[in-house]
């Protein structure tokens, strides 16, 4: 993801840490980075019964996770999106 090697790994690690701390089945959390020319998409997969915990009421938790990821990626020159993939 951009300038420094490992920047994408740092954002991925941050999203994975936050996701694992929120769900009941942290071993089922899978985070992958799909790197594009302008945008990096971080895909998060969790157990079916943990999707609601990750999204939160009204989408507040996933919105906060997206804000953290974008802040962590500043300076990389890329836009970061975080998507929750349904199992």
N, C-alpha and C. Protein backbone atom coordinates (compact mmCIF):
# COMPACT_ATOMS: atom_id res chain seq x y z
N UNK A 1 0.83 -1.19 0.00
CA UNK A 1 0.00 0.00 0.00
C UNK A 1 0.86 1.24 0.00
N UNK A 2 1.48 1.61 -1.03
CA UNK A 2 2.10 2.91 -1.08
C UNK A 2 3.56 2.94 -0.73
N UNK A 3 3.97 4.03 -0.07
CA UNK A 3 5.35 4.37 0.14
C UNK A 3 6.20 3.36 0.89
N UNK A 4 6.05 3.24 2.16
CA UNK A 4 6.88 2.37 2.98
C UNK A 4 6.43 0.93 2.85
N UNK A 5 7.39 0.00 2.74
CA UNK A 5 6.98 -1.39 2.79
C UNK A 5 6.46 -1.71 4.18
N UNK A 6 5.38 -2.44 4.24
CA UNK A 6 4.80 -2.80 5.53
C UNK A 6 3.69 -1.89 5.99
N UNK A 7 3.42 -0.80 5.25
CA UNK A 7 2.32 0.08 5.65
C UNK A 7 0.99 -0.65 5.58
N UNK A 8 0.78 -1.42 4.52
CA UNK A 8 -0.45 -2.20 4.38
C UNK A 8 -0.56 -3.23 5.47
N UNK A 9 0.57 -3.81 5.85
CA UNK A 9 0.57 -4.80 6.92
C UNK A 9 0.21 -4.16 8.25
N UNK A 10 0.62 -2.93 8.47
CA UNK A 10 0.31 -2.25 9.72
C UNK A 10 -1.18 -1.94 9.82
N UNK A 11 -1.77 -1.49 8.73
CA UNK A 11 -3.21 -1.19 8.72
C UNK A 11 -3.99 -2.49 8.87
N UNK A 12 -3.55 -3.54 8.17
CA UNK A 12 -4.19 -4.85 8.28
C UNK A 12 -4.13 -5.35 9.72
N UNK A 13 -2.97 -5.23 10.35
CA UNK A 13 -2.80 -5.69 11.73
C UNK A 13 -3.70 -4.91 12.68
N UNK A 14 -3.84 -3.61 12.46
CA UNK A 14 -4.72 -2.79 13.29
C UNK A 14 -6.17 -3.24 13.17
N UNK A 15 -6.64 -3.42 11.94
CA UNK A 15 -8.03 -3.84 11.72
C UNK A 15 -8.24 -5.23 12.32
N UNK A 16 -7.27 -6.11 12.15
CA UNK A 16 -7.40 -7.47 12.69
C UNK A 16 -7.45 -7.44 14.22
N UNK A 17 -6.62 -6.64 14.85
CA UNK A 17 -6.61 -6.53 16.30
C UNK A 17 -7.95 -6.03 16.83
N UNK A 18 -8.48 -5.00 16.21
CA UNK A 18 -9.76 -4.44 16.65
C UNK A 18 -10.89 -5.46 16.43
N UNK A 19 -10.90 -6.10 15.27
CA UNK A 19 -11.95 -7.07 14.97
C UNK A 19 -11.91 -8.25 15.94
N UNK A 20 -10.71 -8.77 16.20
CA UNK A 20 -10.59 -9.91 17.11
C UNK A 20 -11.03 -9.56 18.53
N UNK A 21 -10.83 -8.32 18.93
CA UNK A 21 -11.20 -7.92 20.29
C UNK A 21 -12.71 -7.71 20.44
N UNK A 22 -13.42 -7.56 19.33
CA UNK A 22 -14.86 -7.29 19.39
C UNK A 22 -15.73 -8.54 19.31
N UNK A 23 -15.24 -9.61 18.71
CA UNK A 23 -16.09 -10.76 18.40
C UNK A 23 -15.96 -11.86 19.45
N UNK A 24 -16.91 -12.80 19.44
CA UNK A 24 -16.90 -13.93 20.35
C UNK A 24 -15.97 -15.05 19.88
N UNK A 25 -15.71 -15.12 18.58
CA UNK A 25 -14.87 -16.17 18.00
C UNK A 25 -13.67 -15.53 17.29
N UNK A 26 -12.67 -15.06 18.06
CA UNK A 26 -11.54 -14.35 17.44
C UNK A 26 -10.70 -15.22 16.51
N UNK A 27 -10.72 -16.53 16.69
CA UNK A 27 -9.94 -17.39 15.81
C UNK A 27 -10.53 -17.48 14.41
N UNK A 28 -11.81 -17.09 14.25
CA UNK A 28 -12.47 -17.14 12.96
C UNK A 28 -12.28 -15.86 12.14
N UNK A 29 -11.60 -14.87 12.69
CA UNK A 29 -11.40 -13.60 12.00
C UNK A 29 -10.31 -13.77 10.94
N UNK A 30 -10.64 -13.41 9.70
CA UNK A 30 -9.69 -13.44 8.60
C UNK A 30 -9.68 -12.06 7.95
N UNK A 31 -8.51 -11.45 7.85
CA UNK A 31 -8.37 -10.13 7.26
C UNK A 31 -7.43 -10.24 6.07
N UNK A 32 -7.89 -9.74 4.92
CA UNK A 32 -7.08 -9.75 3.70
C UNK A 32 -7.06 -8.36 3.09
N UNK A 33 -5.94 -8.01 2.46
CA UNK A 33 -5.80 -6.72 1.79
C UNK A 33 -5.82 -6.96 0.29
N UNK A 34 -6.75 -6.29 -0.41
CA UNK A 34 -6.79 -6.32 -1.87
C UNK A 34 -6.28 -4.97 -2.33
N UNK A 35 -5.07 -4.99 -2.90
CA UNK A 35 -4.38 -3.75 -3.25
C UNK A 35 -4.68 -3.35 -4.68
N UNK A 36 -5.14 -2.13 -4.87
CA UNK A 36 -5.37 -1.58 -6.20
C UNK A 36 -4.46 -0.39 -6.43
N UNK A 37 -4.53 0.22 -7.60
CA UNK A 37 -3.63 1.35 -7.89
C UNK A 37 -3.91 2.59 -7.04
N UNK A 38 -5.16 2.87 -6.77
CA UNK A 38 -5.53 4.06 -6.00
C UNK A 38 -6.09 3.73 -4.62
N UNK A 39 -6.64 2.53 -4.47
CA UNK A 39 -7.37 2.16 -3.27
C UNK A 39 -6.94 0.79 -2.79
N UNK A 40 -6.85 0.65 -1.50
CA UNK A 40 -6.63 -0.66 -0.89
C UNK A 40 -7.91 -1.02 -0.14
N UNK A 41 -8.41 -2.22 -0.38
CA UNK A 41 -9.61 -2.69 0.30
C UNK A 41 -9.20 -3.75 1.31
N UNK A 42 -9.61 -3.55 2.54
CA UNK A 42 -9.34 -4.52 3.59
C UNK A 42 -10.63 -5.29 3.80
N UNK A 43 -10.58 -6.59 3.51
CA UNK A 43 -11.74 -7.45 3.63
C UNK A 43 -11.66 -8.21 4.94
N UNK A 44 -12.74 -8.14 5.72
CA UNK A 44 -12.79 -8.80 7.01
C UNK A 44 -13.88 -9.87 6.97
N UNK A 45 -13.50 -11.09 7.32
CA UNK A 45 -14.46 -12.19 7.41
C UNK A 45 -14.51 -12.63 8.87
N UNK A 46 -15.72 -12.79 9.41
CA UNK A 46 -15.91 -13.27 10.78
C UNK A 46 -16.97 -14.36 10.77
N UNK A 47 -17.14 -15.03 11.90
CA UNK A 47 -18.17 -16.05 12.03
C UNK A 47 -19.54 -15.40 11.82
N UNK A 48 -20.49 -16.21 11.36
CA UNK A 48 -21.82 -15.68 11.02
C UNK A 48 -22.49 -14.96 12.20
N UNK A 49 -22.33 -15.47 13.40
CA UNK A 49 -22.99 -14.83 14.54
C UNK A 49 -22.22 -13.62 15.08
N UNK A 50 -21.04 -13.34 14.52
CA UNK A 50 -20.25 -12.18 14.94
C UNK A 50 -20.37 -10.98 14.00
N UNK A 51 -21.05 -11.15 12.88
CA UNK A 51 -21.15 -10.05 11.91
C UNK A 51 -21.82 -8.83 12.55
N UNK A 52 -22.88 -9.04 13.29
CA UNK A 52 -23.58 -7.94 13.94
C UNK A 52 -22.72 -7.21 14.96
N UNK A 53 -21.87 -7.94 15.67
CA UNK A 53 -20.98 -7.31 16.65
C UNK A 53 -19.96 -6.42 15.96
N UNK A 54 -19.50 -6.84 14.79
CA UNK A 54 -18.51 -6.07 14.06
C UNK A 54 -19.12 -4.83 13.41
N UNK A 55 -20.36 -4.95 12.96
CA UNK A 55 -21.01 -3.81 12.31
C UNK A 55 -21.55 -2.83 13.35
N UNK A 56 -22.15 -3.34 14.40
CA UNK A 56 -22.67 -2.48 15.46
C UNK A 56 -24.03 -1.90 15.13
N UNK A 57 -24.64 -1.34 16.13
CA UNK A 57 -25.97 -0.76 15.95
C UNK A 57 -25.88 0.46 15.05
N UNK A 58 -26.60 0.40 13.94
CA UNK A 58 -26.59 1.50 12.99
C UNK A 58 -25.27 1.65 12.25
N UNK A 59 -24.40 0.63 12.33
CA UNK A 59 -23.12 0.68 11.62
C UNK A 59 -22.06 1.51 12.31
N UNK A 60 -22.27 1.82 13.58
CA UNK A 60 -21.34 2.71 14.29
C UNK A 60 -19.96 2.09 14.47
N UNK A 61 -19.89 0.80 14.78
CA UNK A 61 -18.59 0.18 15.05
C UNK A 61 -17.78 0.06 13.76
N UNK A 62 -18.38 -0.40 12.68
CA UNK A 62 -17.63 -0.53 11.43
C UNK A 62 -17.22 0.85 10.91
N UNK A 63 -18.03 1.84 11.16
CA UNK A 63 -17.66 3.21 10.76
C UNK A 63 -16.42 3.67 11.53
N UNK A 64 -16.36 3.34 12.81
CA UNK A 64 -15.19 3.70 13.62
C UNK A 64 -13.95 2.93 13.17
N UNK A 65 -14.12 1.66 12.80
CA UNK A 65 -13.00 0.86 12.30
C UNK A 65 -12.49 1.45 10.99
N UNK A 66 -13.39 1.87 10.13
CA UNK A 66 -12.99 2.49 8.86
C UNK A 66 -12.22 3.78 9.10
N UNK A 67 -12.67 4.57 10.07
CA UNK A 67 -11.99 5.82 10.41
C UNK A 67 -10.57 5.54 10.91
N UNK A 68 -10.41 4.53 11.78
CA UNK A 68 -9.09 4.15 12.27
C UNK A 68 -8.18 3.70 11.14
N UNK A 69 -8.70 2.88 10.24
CA UNK A 69 -7.90 2.38 9.12
C UNK A 69 -7.46 3.52 8.22
N UNK A 70 -8.35 4.45 7.93
CA UNK A 70 -7.99 5.59 7.08
C UNK A 70 -6.94 6.46 7.75
N UNK A 71 -7.08 6.65 9.06
CA UNK A 71 -6.09 7.45 9.79
C UNK A 71 -4.74 6.75 9.81
N UNK A 72 -4.73 5.43 9.96
CA UNK A 72 -3.48 4.68 9.98
C UNK A 72 -2.79 4.68 8.62
N UNK A 73 -3.57 4.85 7.55
CA UNK A 73 -3.02 4.80 6.20
C UNK A 73 -2.62 6.18 5.67
N UNK A 74 -2.78 7.23 6.45
CA UNK A 74 -2.40 8.55 5.97
C UNK A 74 -0.91 8.55 5.68
N UNK A 75 -0.54 9.22 4.64
CA UNK A 75 0.85 9.25 4.23
C UNK A 75 1.19 8.19 3.20
N UNK A 76 0.31 7.21 3.03
CA UNK A 76 0.58 6.16 2.04
C UNK A 76 0.16 6.61 0.64
N UNK A 77 -0.68 7.63 0.57
CA UNK A 77 -1.13 8.12 -0.72
C UNK A 77 -2.28 7.32 -1.30
N UNK A 78 -2.79 6.36 -0.55
CA UNK A 78 -3.90 5.54 -1.02
C UNK A 78 -5.11 5.71 -0.12
N UNK A 79 -6.24 5.49 -0.71
CA UNK A 79 -7.49 5.48 0.03
C UNK A 79 -7.71 4.06 0.54
N UNK A 80 -8.24 3.93 1.74
CA UNK A 80 -8.46 2.62 2.35
C UNK A 80 -9.94 2.42 2.60
N UNK A 81 -10.45 1.28 2.16
CA UNK A 81 -11.83 0.89 2.45
C UNK A 81 -11.79 -0.38 3.29
N UNK A 82 -12.71 -0.49 4.24
CA UNK A 82 -12.84 -1.71 5.04
C UNK A 82 -14.21 -2.28 4.75
N UNK A 83 -14.24 -3.53 4.32
CA UNK A 83 -15.49 -4.20 3.99
C UNK A 83 -15.64 -5.45 4.84
N UNK A 84 -16.85 -5.67 5.36
CA UNK A 84 -17.17 -6.90 6.09
C UNK A 84 -17.84 -7.84 5.10
N UNK A 85 -17.21 -8.99 4.89
CA UNK A 85 -17.76 -9.98 3.97
C UNK A 85 -18.58 -10.98 4.77
N UNK A 86 -19.75 -11.24 4.29
CA UNK A 86 -20.63 -12.18 4.98
C UNK A 86 -20.18 -13.61 4.70
N UNK A 87 -20.23 -14.47 5.72
CA UNK A 87 -19.79 -15.86 5.51
C UNK A 87 -20.70 -16.64 4.60
